[in-house]
Amino acid sequence: MKVLLMHPDRDFVMLSGIPPHEKSLSEDLALGTLQQAMAGDDKYLAAVVHAALVSGPGSGKEMILYRQAVVKDCLENPAVVRQLYDTTLEAFAGKKSIYFSAFGRYPLGTLHDAMKLMRVFVDVLNKLRKLADVNAGRFGSDGFRNLFAMLQREFSDEYFAVVENHLKELEFRGGVLLSAELGPGTVGTRHILRQPREKRPNWFGRLLGQGAPEYRFTIDERDEGGARILSELRDRGINLVANAMAQSTDHILSFFEMLRMELAFYIGCLNLHDRLASQGIPIAFPVPGEAAERSLQFRNLYDATLALELGSSVVANDLVADGKNLVIVTGANQGGKSSFLRGVGVAHVMMHCGLFVTAEAFGAAVCSGLFTHYKREEDATMKSGKFDEELARLSNIADAITPDSVLLCNESFSSTNEREGSEIARQVVDALLERRIRVFFVTHQYDFAHSRFALGRDDWLFLRAERRGDGTRSFKVTPGEPLETSYGEDLYANVFEAQAAC
């Protein structure tokens, strides 16, 4: 039984596809804020959401569209999806409430415990099937249609009737019927549990009928040795049945675990949608393009994590960067460059895991991986200088990055002087571009930015954070030639004028 809500052809595995650089990716793009909005304080939801977010980059166009269709179904039927999830949780609550006896290591104890659990699971499966019967027509995605069709096909009324009949038989209210053979030394072998006989006729029918002769013996109630031997015979006979019942419950439990896991991601999507809607932030389903197209354009793209942190609207940006392999962002200090870069990165993460993005429109080529190289503040745990640490992280990225990946650099190589930093940046960027890697670079290094601008390449784009005439920032990022100044004197004046006023 496959759930197939996350992938069209396989189960979602939380630990599969998580990149080795996921810690840096989460830190640099503030994915923890996004995760908190999706999962709240639910640790299980948080684990699933985190795995889906960081493993998303590298997903193909088909998988993205597959999940988008499921998300759209969820947004149109949120109550049904939440009911499906809550019903699935009943299976785990029921399992937790069942007391497994100390005799579970014996076949009879194993059988009784497995039967109790099976009755809980059957009740939950019945509820899921009824939900499928009532709501299947409301869903149009392949993911939900396949799930509902499987529930209706595998768990029909006939199925539940057969299961109930088997469970009643396994109660052995009429005793246990076994067959055995005599082996060497008259030791019993091949103990097999047999189907119970049909109901015995009344005394008049037995008087007239001629059945097979029966041979009986009765063990005295004080015969402890005989009772123990009889119990051992019974356990040998039901051992295979007990193991089969336990395996059946494990199989159904694995289905519930997968259903819970895959629904958890979409519950997170619903939670995020509700949070964004309450803040009036627009959403759009991105249009994924093929990696070779190098497409990227958006209208009113918000930095989702900044909006969630501030709890209010933030400045949005527009961009058309189709066919651009290198995007360099310069401009005024505290002008919105880092927020712009983070907004682009978070949107890529959200698109690749099948989510909507915080924009009025968004389209981008899929990438084989998403990497970040941000400057780090001083850290007492560092074993070397900041520049050495930057180069070490870059080396790790170089070992893992592949063609058609996207690299986001924020003030990289700023821990050394501008001449050295600019030269390193040029060599690194040129090498990455040769490997068909798309680079977004926020920098204050004029030497590096202007030297690239002077080459006049059509597939390179230069953006600049706006600064108004009075020195204030609009937090808009627009096309523009790199400038020699980042207007640090504006910040200097603001700080010291504020202190003087105090």
Protein backbone atom coordinates (compact mmCIF):
# COMPACT_ATOMS: atom_id res chain seq x y z
CA MET A 1 0.00 0.00 0.00
CA LYS A 2 1.57 3.25 -1.20
CA VAL A 3 0.52 6.75 -0.15
CA LEU A 4 2.19 8.63 -3.05
CA LEU A 5 1.30 12.15 -1.96
CA MET A 6 4.88 13.44 -2.12
CA HIS A 7 6.17 11.48 -5.13
CA PRO A 8 4.21 9.90 -7.98
CA ASP A 9 6.18 6.65 -7.86
CA ARG A 10 7.74 6.19 -4.42
CA ASP A 11 7.39 6.88 -0.72
CA PHE A 12 8.83 9.96 0.94
CA VAL A 13 11.84 9.11 3.12
CA MET A 14 12.76 11.85 5.58
CA LEU A 15 16.49 11.17 5.71
CA SER A 16 16.84 10.63 1.97
CA GLY A 17 18.03 13.53 -0.15
CA ILE A 18 19.07 15.78 2.74
CA PRO A 19 22.24 17.52 1.51
CA PRO A 20 25.37 17.67 3.65
CA HIS A 21 25.23 21.48 3.60
CA GLU A 22 21.67 21.63 4.98
CA LYS A 23 22.83 23.35 8.18
CA SER A 24 24.35 26.28 6.28
CA LEU A 25 21.36 26.42 3.94
CA SER A 26 18.94 26.61 6.87
CA GLU A 27 21.00 29.21 8.72
CA ASP A 28 21.71 31.50 5.79
CA LEU A 29 18.14 31.48 4.45
CA ALA A 30 16.52 31.51 7.94
CA LEU A 31 14.51 28.41 7.08
CA GLY A 32 13.87 27.92 10.80
CA THR A 33 11.42 30.84 10.63
CA LEU A 34 9.58 29.20 7.76
CA GLN A 35 9.61 25.87 9.58
CA GLN A 36 8.19 27.46 12.73
CA ALA A 37 5.31 28.99 10.75
CA MET A 38 4.53 25.60 9.21
CA ALA A 39 4.93 23.37 12.26
CA GLY A 40 4.60 25.51 15.36
CA ASP A 41 5.65 23.55 18.43
CA ASP A 42 4.85 20.15 16.90
CA LYS A 43 8.23 18.40 16.79
CA TYR A 44 7.05 15.72 14.38
CA LEU A 45 5.67 18.27 11.91
CA ALA A 46 8.89 20.27 12.27
CA ALA A 47 11.05 17.25 11.40
CA VAL A 48 9.00 16.42 8.30
CA VAL A 49 8.85 20.03 7.12
CA HIS A 50 12.59 20.52 7.61
CA ALA A 51 13.36 17.37 5.61
CA ALA A 52 11.04 18.44 2.79
CA LEU A 53 12.47 21.96 2.62
CA VAL A 54 16.16 21.14 2.55
CA SER A 55 15.78 18.12 0.25
CA GLY A 56 13.63 20.03 -2.26
CA PRO A 57 16.37 21.62 -4.43
CA GLY A 58 17.24 19.08 -7.10
CA SER A 59 13.63 18.08 -7.69
CA GLY A 60 12.54 17.92 -11.29
CA LYS A 61 9.78 19.90 -12.95
CA GLU A 62 7.36 16.95 -12.98
CA MET A 63 7.67 16.31 -9.26
CA ILE A 64 7.17 20.01 -8.46
CA LEU A 65 3.97 20.16 -10.52
CA TYR A 66 2.79 16.89 -8.94
CA ARG A 67 3.09 18.32 -5.42
CA GLN A 68 1.65 21.69 -6.44
CA ALA A 69 -1.53 19.93 -7.56
CA VAL A 70 -1.76 18.21 -4.16
CA VAL A 71 -1.19 21.52 -2.34
CA LYS A 72 -3.95 23.17 -4.39
CA ASP A 73 -6.31 20.35 -3.38
CA CYS A 74 -5.36 20.95 0.25
CA LEU A 75 -6.09 24.68 0.00
CA GLU A 76 -9.49 23.95 -1.52
CA ASN A 77 -10.36 21.24 1.05
CA PRO A 78 -8.45 22.13 4.26
CA ALA A 79 -11.00 20.61 6.65
CA VAL A 80 -10.95 17.24 4.88
CA VAL A 81 -7.15 17.11 4.82
CA ARG A 82 -6.93 17.94 8.52
CA GLN A 83 -9.56 15.28 9.23
CA LEU A 84 -7.53 12.71 7.31
CA TYR A 85 -4.47 13.61 9.36
CA ASP A 86 -6.33 13.54 12.69
CA THR A 87 -7.89 10.18 11.81
CA THR A 88 -4.45 8.76 11.02
CA LEU A 89 -3.21 9.95 14.41
CA GLU A 90 -5.95 7.86 16.05
CA ALA A 91 -4.05 4.73 15.03
CA PHE A 92 -0.98 5.84 17.00
CA ALA A 93 -3.05 6.98 19.97
CA GLY A 94 -4.82 3.59 19.97
CA LYS A 95 -1.52 1.73 19.80
CA LYS A 96 -0.18 3.74 22.71
CA SER A 97 -3.28 3.04 24.81
CA ILE A 98 -3.10 -0.73 24.38
CA TYR A 99 -1.40 -2.56 27.21
CA PHE A 100 0.85 -5.25 25.85
CA SER A 101 0.99 -8.11 28.31
CA ALA A 102 4.14 -9.66 29.71
CA PHE A 103 3.08 -12.89 28.03
CA GLY A 104 3.60 -11.34 24.60
CA ARG A 105 6.74 -13.43 24.14
CA TYR A 106 4.54 -16.53 23.98
CA PRO A 107 2.58 -17.24 20.78
CA LEU A 108 -0.82 -16.95 22.47
CA GLY A 109 0.12 -13.64 24.09
CA THR A 110 1.53 -12.35 20.80
CA LEU A 111 -1.68 -13.32 19.06
CA HIS A 112 -3.95 -11.64 21.61
CA ASP A 113 -1.93 -8.40 21.61
CA ALA A 114 -1.82 -8.29 17.81
CA MET A 115 -5.58 -8.88 17.63
CA LYS A 116 -6.28 -5.96 19.97
CA LEU A 117 -4.12 -3.72 17.85
CA MET A 118 -5.66 -4.99 14.63
CA ARG A 119 -9.15 -4.04 15.83
CA VAL A 120 -7.92 -0.48 16.46
CA PHE A 121 -6.33 -0.35 13.01
CA VAL A 122 -9.40 -1.75 11.29
CA ASP A 123 -11.53 0.94 12.90
CA VAL A 124 -9.18 3.66 11.65
CA LEU A 125 -9.01 2.14 8.16
CA ASN A 126 -12.79 2.04 8.06
CA LYS A 127 -12.94 5.76 8.91
CA LEU A 128 -10.36 6.57 6.23
CA ARG A 129 -12.29 4.59 3.63
CA LYS A 130 -15.52 6.41 4.53
CA LEU A 131 -13.73 9.75 4.19
CA ALA A 132 -12.56 8.63 0.74
CA ASP A 133 -16.10 7.61 -0.23
CA VAL A 134 -17.55 10.99 0.75
CA ASN A 135 -14.80 13.32 -0.48
CA ALA A 136 -13.05 11.66 -3.43
CA GLY A 137 -15.01 13.76 -5.93
CA ARG A 138 -13.71 17.02 -4.44
CA PHE A 139 -10.05 16.31 -5.23
CA GLY A 140 -8.48 16.55 -8.65
CA SER A 141 -4.77 15.92 -8.07
CA ASP A 142 -3.25 12.59 -9.04
CA GLY A 143 -1.86 12.25 -5.50
CA PHE A 144 -5.20 12.39 -3.69
CA ARG A 145 -7.12 10.57 -6.40
CA ASN A 146 -4.68 7.66 -6.22
CA LEU A 147 -4.81 7.65 -2.42
CA PHE A 148 -8.60 7.61 -2.28
CA ALA A 149 -8.83 4.97 -5.02
CA MET A 150 -6.42 2.76 -3.09
CA LEU A 151 -8.40 3.16 0.15
CA GLN A 152 -11.64 2.26 -1.62
CA ARG A 153 -10.09 -0.67 -3.47
CA GLU A 154 -8.10 -2.25 -0.65
CA PHE A 155 -10.54 -1.61 2.21
CA SER A 156 -13.96 -2.51 0.87
CA ASP A 157 -16.85 -3.71 3.01
CA GLU A 158 -16.02 -7.27 1.97
CA TYR A 159 -12.48 -6.79 3.26
CA PHE A 160 -13.68 -5.64 6.68
CA ALA A 161 -16.17 -8.54 6.84
CA VAL A 162 -13.41 -11.06 6.12
CA VAL A 163 -11.11 -9.48 8.71
CA GLU A 164 -13.83 -9.51 11.35
CA ASN A 165 -14.58 -13.16 10.62
CA HIS A 166 -10.91 -14.09 10.98
CA LEU A 167 -10.62 -12.17 14.24
CA LYS A 168 -13.62 -14.00 15.67
CA GLU A 169 -12.19 -17.37 14.67
CA LEU A 170 -8.86 -16.49 16.27
CA GLU A 171 -10.57 -15.98 19.61
CA PHE A 172 -10.82 -19.82 19.75
CA ARG A 173 -13.99 -19.77 21.77
CA GLY A 174 -14.56 -23.41 20.82
CA GLY A 175 -10.98 -24.39 21.55
CA VAL A 176 -7.96 -24.86 19.31
CA LEU A 177 -8.09 -27.53 16.62
CA LEU A 178 -4.65 -28.88 15.73
CA SER A 179 -3.23 -31.71 13.68
CA ALA A 180 0.13 -33.34 14.20
CA GLU A 181 2.21 -36.31 13.11
CA LEU A 182 4.30 -38.70 15.10
CA GLY A 183 7.98 -38.38 14.50
CA PRO A 184 10.94 -40.47 15.67
CA GLY A 185 10.55 -41.60 19.23
CA THR A 186 6.79 -40.90 19.03
CA VAL A 187 7.51 -37.18 19.34
CA GLY A 188 4.89 -34.94 17.75
CA THR A 189 5.88 -33.01 14.65
CA ARG A 190 4.20 -30.79 12.01
CA HIS A 191 1.76 -29.13 14.36
CA ILE A 192 -0.76 -27.31 12.19
CA LEU A 193 -3.67 -25.12 13.20
CA ARG A 194 -6.84 -26.31 11.46
CA GLN A 195 -10.04 -24.54 10.47
CA PRO A 196 -12.67 -25.02 13.18
CA ARG A 197 -15.29 -27.60 12.41
CA GLU A 198 -18.74 -26.56 11.46
CA LYS A 199 -21.19 -26.17 14.31
CA ARG A 200 -21.95 -29.52 15.85
CA PRO A 201 -25.52 -30.79 15.35
CA ASN A 202 -27.86 -31.23 18.31
CA TRP A 203 -28.17 -34.57 20.13
CA PHE A 204 -30.88 -35.81 17.77
CA GLY A 205 -28.78 -35.08 14.70
CA ARG A 206 -25.78 -36.79 16.27
CA LEU A 207 -27.95 -39.81 17.05
CA LEU A 208 -29.05 -40.22 13.44
CA GLY A 209 -25.84 -39.15 11.75
CA GLN A 210 -22.70 -41.16 11.31
CA GLY A 211 -19.65 -38.99 11.63
CA ALA A 212 -16.04 -39.92 12.08
CA PRO A 213 -15.24 -41.47 15.42
CA GLU A 214 -13.79 -39.16 18.02
CA TYR A 215 -11.28 -40.05 20.67
CA ARG A 216 -11.03 -37.81 23.71
CA PHE A 217 -9.25 -37.55 26.96
CA THR A 218 -9.57 -35.06 29.76
CA ILE A 219 -6.76 -33.66 31.85
CA ASP A 220 -7.44 -33.43 35.50
CA GLU A 221 -7.60 -29.86 36.71
CA ARG A 222 -4.86 -30.63 39.25
CA ASP A 223 -2.51 -32.05 36.61
CA GLU A 224 -0.12 -29.12 36.22
CA GLY A 225 2.34 -31.07 34.05
CA GLY A 226 -0.40 -32.14 31.67
CA ALA A 227 -1.74 -28.58 31.46
CA ARG A 228 1.72 -27.29 30.68
CA ILE A 229 2.22 -29.86 27.92
CA LEU A 230 -1.18 -29.04 26.47
CA SER A 231 -0.30 -25.33 26.51
CA GLU A 232 2.95 -26.07 24.68
CA LEU A 233 1.06 -28.04 22.04
CA ARG A 234 -1.34 -25.16 21.57
CA ASP A 235 1.52 -22.65 21.23
CA ARG A 236 3.20 -24.82 18.60
CA GLY A 237 0.01 -24.94 16.63
CA ILE A 238 -0.76 -21.22 16.70
CA ASN A 239 2.82 -19.98 16.38
CA LEU A 240 2.62 -19.38 12.64
CA VAL A 241 -0.75 -17.66 12.97
CA ALA A 242 0.52 -15.43 15.79
CA ASN A 243 3.54 -14.38 13.74
CA ALA A 244 1.37 -13.73 10.69
CA MET A 245 -1.00 -11.54 12.73
CA ALA A 246 1.91 -9.58 14.22
CA GLN A 247 3.40 -9.03 10.75
CA SER A 248 0.02 -7.89 9.46
CA THR A 249 -0.24 -5.23 12.17
CA ASP A 250 3.31 -4.11 11.41
CA HIS A 251 2.43 -3.81 7.74
CA ILE A 252 -0.64 -1.69 8.43
CA LEU A 253 1.27 0.38 10.98
CA SER A 254 3.92 1.16 8.34
CA PHE A 255 1.13 2.39 6.07
CA PHE A 256 -0.17 4.68 8.83
CA GLU A 257 3.35 5.96 9.46
CA MET A 258 3.83 6.83 5.80
CA LEU A 259 0.38 8.41 5.55
CA ARG A 260 1.04 10.48 8.65
CA MET A 261 4.43 11.60 7.34
CA GLU A 262 3.26 12.66 3.91
CA LEU A 263 0.11 14.35 5.19
CA ALA A 264 2.23 16.19 7.77
CA PHE A 265 3.98 18.18 5.04
CA TYR A 266 0.65 19.33 3.64
CA ILE A 267 -0.64 20.20 7.10
CA GLY A 268 2.42 22.44 7.32
CA CYS A 269 1.46 23.99 3.98
CA LEU A 270 -2.02 24.76 5.32
CA ASN A 271 -0.56 26.28 8.49
CA LEU A 272 1.78 28.49 6.46
CA HIS A 273 -1.02 29.59 4.15
CA ASP A 274 -3.18 30.59 7.12
CA ARG A 275 -0.30 32.54 8.65
CA LEU A 276 0.51 34.42 5.44
CA ALA A 277 -3.16 35.13 4.75
CA SER A 278 -3.57 36.66 8.21
CA GLN A 279 -0.72 39.06 7.37
CA GLY A 280 -2.10 39.91 3.94
CA ILE A 281 0.92 38.54 2.09
CA PRO A 282 0.06 37.31 -1.43
CA ILE A 283 1.03 33.86 -2.64
CA ALA A 284 1.46 32.37 -6.08
CA PHE A 285 2.27 28.96 -7.42
CA PRO A 286 5.60 29.19 -9.24
CA VAL A 287 6.08 28.10 -12.81
CA PRO A 288 9.09 25.75 -12.97
CA GLY A 289 11.19 25.74 -16.11
CA GLU A 290 13.84 23.40 -17.42
CA ALA A 291 17.32 23.91 -16.03
CA ALA A 292 18.82 24.72 -19.42
CA GLU A 293 16.39 27.62 -19.90
CA ARG A 294 18.01 29.69 -17.10
CA SER A 295 14.63 31.35 -16.54
CA LEU A 296 13.96 33.62 -13.57
CA GLN A 297 11.36 36.34 -13.28
CA PHE A 298 9.03 37.47 -10.54
CA ARG A 299 6.64 40.24 -9.60
CA ASN A 300 6.31 41.56 -6.06
CA LEU A 301 8.46 38.86 -4.46
CA TYR A 302 8.60 39.14 -0.67
CA ASP A 303 11.27 37.74 1.59
CA ALA A 304 8.99 35.20 3.26
CA THR A 305 11.14 34.76 6.36
CA LEU A 306 11.46 38.53 6.94
CA ALA A 307 7.71 38.98 6.58
CA LEU A 308 7.08 36.18 9.07
CA GLU A 309 9.60 37.61 11.53
CA LEU A 310 8.28 41.18 11.37
CA GLY A 311 4.62 40.20 11.33
CA SER A 312 3.89 42.97 8.86
CA SER A 313 4.26 43.69 5.18
CA VAL A 314 7.75 44.20 3.79
CA VAL A 315 9.04 45.71 0.57
CA ALA A 316 8.67 43.47 -2.47
CA ASN A 317 10.84 43.37 -5.58
CA ASP A 318 10.42 42.68 -9.28
CA LEU A 319 12.98 41.04 -11.53
CA VAL A 320 13.41 39.72 -15.05
CA ALA A 321 16.59 37.67 -15.27
CA ASP A 322 15.83 35.11 -17.96
CA GLY A 323 18.97 33.71 -19.51
CA LYS A 324 21.23 35.30 -16.88
CA ASN A 325 23.96 33.12 -15.40
CA LEU A 326 25.43 35.75 -13.08
CA VAL A 327 23.55 38.32 -11.02
CA ILE A 328 25.65 40.80 -9.01
CA VAL A 329 23.91 43.03 -6.46
CA THR A 330 25.61 46.17 -5.14
CA GLY A 331 24.43 49.41 -3.59
CA ALA A 332 23.84 51.23 -0.35
CA ASN A 333 24.48 49.65 3.02
CA GLN A 334 21.31 48.37 4.68
CA GLY A 335 19.47 48.93 1.42
CA GLY A 336 17.80 45.54 1.20
CA LYS A 337 20.43 43.56 -0.72
CA SER A 338 20.61 40.67 1.74
CA SER A 339 16.83 40.49 2.07
CA PHE A 340 16.53 40.43 -1.72
CA LEU A 341 19.04 37.58 -1.98
CA ARG A 342 17.39 35.64 0.82
CA GLY A 343 13.98 36.15 -0.79
CA VAL A 344 15.28 34.63 -4.04
CA GLY A 345 16.81 31.70 -2.17
CA VAL A 346 13.74 30.97 -0.03
CA ALA A 347 11.51 31.15 -3.12
CA HIS A 348 13.71 28.54 -4.83
CA VAL A 349 13.43 26.29 -1.76
CA MET A 350 9.66 26.68 -1.60
CA MET A 351 9.23 26.05 -5.33
CA HIS A 352 11.37 22.92 -5.35
CA CYS A 353 9.48 21.29 -2.47
CA GLY A 354 6.15 21.97 -4.20
CA LEU A 355 5.04 24.95 -2.14
CA PHE A 356 3.58 28.27 -3.20
CA VAL A 357 5.86 31.32 -2.94
CA THR A 358 5.31 34.77 -1.42
CA ALA A 359 4.89 36.73 -4.64
CA GLU A 360 2.25 37.82 -7.10
CA ALA A 361 4.01 35.83 -9.83
CA PHE A 362 7.16 33.70 -9.89
CA GLY A 363 8.88 31.50 -12.43
CA ALA A 364 12.32 29.94 -12.30
CA ALA A 365 14.36 27.17 -13.84
CA VAL A 366 14.79 24.11 -11.67
CA CYS A 367 18.26 23.59 -10.23
CA SER A 368 20.20 20.48 -9.35
CA GLY A 369 21.16 21.95 -5.98
CA LEU A 370 21.01 25.16 -3.96
CA PHE A 371 24.09 26.35 -2.06
CA THR A 372 24.85 29.40 0.07
CA HIS A 373 28.13 31.08 0.95
CA TYR A 374 27.46 33.89 3.43
CA LYS A 375 29.88 35.86 5.54
CA ARG A 376 30.08 34.74 9.15
CA GLU A 377 30.44 36.81 12.27
CA GLU A 378 33.29 36.19 14.68
CA ASP A 379 32.80 32.89 16.46
CA ALA A 380 34.78 31.73 19.49
CA THR A 381 34.50 28.15 18.26
CA MET A 382 36.42 28.88 15.06
CA LYS A 383 39.73 27.06 14.90
CA SER A 384 41.19 29.46 12.32
CA GLY A 385 40.68 32.97 11.00
CA LYS A 386 37.54 34.16 9.25
CA PHE A 387 39.18 34.13 5.81
CA ASP A 388 40.44 30.56 6.29
CA GLU A 389 36.96 29.56 7.41
CA GLU A 390 35.45 31.16 4.29
CA LEU A 391 37.82 29.26 2.02
CA ALA A 392 37.16 25.99 3.84
CA ARG A 393 33.40 26.38 3.32
CA LEU A 394 33.96 27.26 -0.31
CA SER A 395 36.07 24.13 -0.74
CA ASN A 396 33.26 21.99 0.66
CA ILE A 397 30.82 23.63 -1.73
CA ALA A 398 33.16 23.01 -4.67
CA ASP A 399 33.29 19.31 -3.78
CA ALA A 400 29.49 18.98 -3.74
CA ILE A 401 28.17 21.45 -6.31
CA THR A 402 27.08 20.17 -9.72
CA PRO A 403 26.19 21.75 -13.06
CA ASP A 404 22.82 23.56 -13.12
CA SER A 405 23.10 24.32 -9.40
CA VAL A 406 22.49 27.78 -7.91
CA LEU A 407 24.99 29.44 -5.55
CA LEU A 408 24.01 32.43 -3.40
CA CYS A 409 26.95 34.48 -2.15
CA ASN A 410 26.47 37.24 0.41
CA GLU A 411 29.54 39.39 1.10
CA SER A 412 31.84 36.47 0.36
CA PHE A 413 35.58 37.15 0.80
CA SER A 414 34.88 40.38 2.69
CA SER A 415 37.12 39.18 5.53
CA THR A 416 40.23 40.13 3.52
CA ASN A 417 41.19 43.35 1.75
CA GLU A 418 39.33 44.43 -1.38
CA ARG A 419 42.18 43.69 -3.79
CA GLU A 420 42.57 40.10 -2.65
CA GLY A 421 38.86 39.54 -2.13
CA SER A 422 38.00 40.85 -5.58
CA GLU A 423 40.61 38.70 -7.30
CA ILE A 424 39.44 35.58 -5.48
CA ALA A 425 35.83 36.40 -6.28
CA ARG A 426 36.65 36.80 -9.98
CA GLN A 427 38.45 33.47 -10.20
CA VAL A 428 35.80 31.61 -8.22
CA VAL A 429 32.88 33.06 -10.18
CA ASP A 430 34.54 32.42 -13.55
CA ALA A 431 35.23 28.81 -12.60
CA LEU A 432 31.65 28.29 -11.47
CA LEU A 433 30.20 29.80 -14.63
CA GLU A 434 32.34 27.48 -16.73
CA ARG A 435 30.67 24.58 -14.91
CA ARG A 436 27.19 25.91 -15.82
CA ILE A 437 26.47 27.02 -12.23
CA ARG A 438 24.21 30.03 -11.73
CA VAL A 439 25.63 32.59 -9.29
CA PHE A 440 23.91 35.37 -7.32
CA PHE A 441 26.50 37.61 -5.63
CA VAL A 442 25.83 40.43 -3.16
CA THR A 443 29.01 42.43 -2.66
CA HIS A 444 30.52 45.75 -1.58
CA GLN A 445 33.74 45.04 -3.50
CA TYR A 446 33.67 47.62 -6.28
CA ASP A 447 36.82 46.26 -7.94
CA PHE A 448 35.18 42.86 -8.44
CA ALA A 449 31.72 44.17 -9.44
CA HIS A 450 32.97 46.85 -11.85
CA SER A 451 35.48 44.54 -13.54
CA ARG A 452 32.64 42.15 -14.34
CA PHE A 453 30.38 45.01 -15.48
CA ALA A 454 33.05 46.33 -17.83
CA LEU A 455 33.03 43.06 -19.78
CA GLY A 456 29.51 43.80 -21.01
CA ARG A 457 28.27 40.20 -21.04
CA ASP A 458 24.64 39.75 -22.09
CA ASP A 459 24.14 36.82 -19.75
CA TRP A 460 25.21 38.83 -16.70
CA LEU A 461 22.87 41.15 -14.79
CA PHE A 462 23.82 43.95 -12.40
CA LEU A 463 21.40 45.19 -9.74
CA ARG A 464 21.70 47.98 -7.20
CA ALA A 465 19.93 48.74 -3.94
CA GLU A 466 18.19 52.08 -4.30
CA ARG A 467 19.14 55.16 -2.31
CA ARG A 468 16.94 58.24 -2.39
CA GLY A 469 18.34 61.74 -2.69
CA ASP A 470 17.91 62.40 1.01
CA GLY A 471 19.91 59.30 1.91
CA THR A 472 16.96 57.12 2.91
CA ARG A 473 16.55 53.60 1.53
CA SER A 474 13.59 52.38 -0.49
CA PHE A 475 14.71 48.73 0.00
CA LYS A 476 14.07 48.22 -3.70
CA VAL A 477 16.65 46.45 -5.85
CA THR A 478 16.71 47.55 -9.48
CA PRO A 479 19.09 47.22 -12.47
CA GLY A 480 22.05 49.55 -12.13
CA GLU A 481 25.79 49.94 -12.65
CA PRO A 482 28.00 49.26 -9.61
CA LEU A 483 29.03 52.41 -7.74
CA GLU A 484 32.30 53.07 -5.91
CA THR A 485 30.50 53.93 -2.68
CA SER A 486 28.07 52.00 -0.50
CA TYR A 487 27.04 55.24 1.23
CA GLY A 488 28.32 54.18 4.60
CA GLU A 489 28.40 57.85 5.60
CA ASP A 490 24.60 57.78 5.71
CA LEU A 491 24.73 55.21 8.49
CA TYR A 492 27.51 57.11 10.23
CA ALA A 493 25.46 60.28 10.20
CA ASN A 494 22.33 58.55 11.44
CA VAL A 495 24.13 56.91 14.36
CA PHE A 496 26.05 59.95 15.55
CA GLU A 497 23.22 62.41 15.00
CA ALA A 498 20.98 60.15 17.05
CA GLN A 499 23.59 60.03 19.83
CA ALA A 500 24.03 63.82 19.72
CA ALA A 501 20.30 64.32 20.00
CA CYS A 502 20.28 62.18 23.13
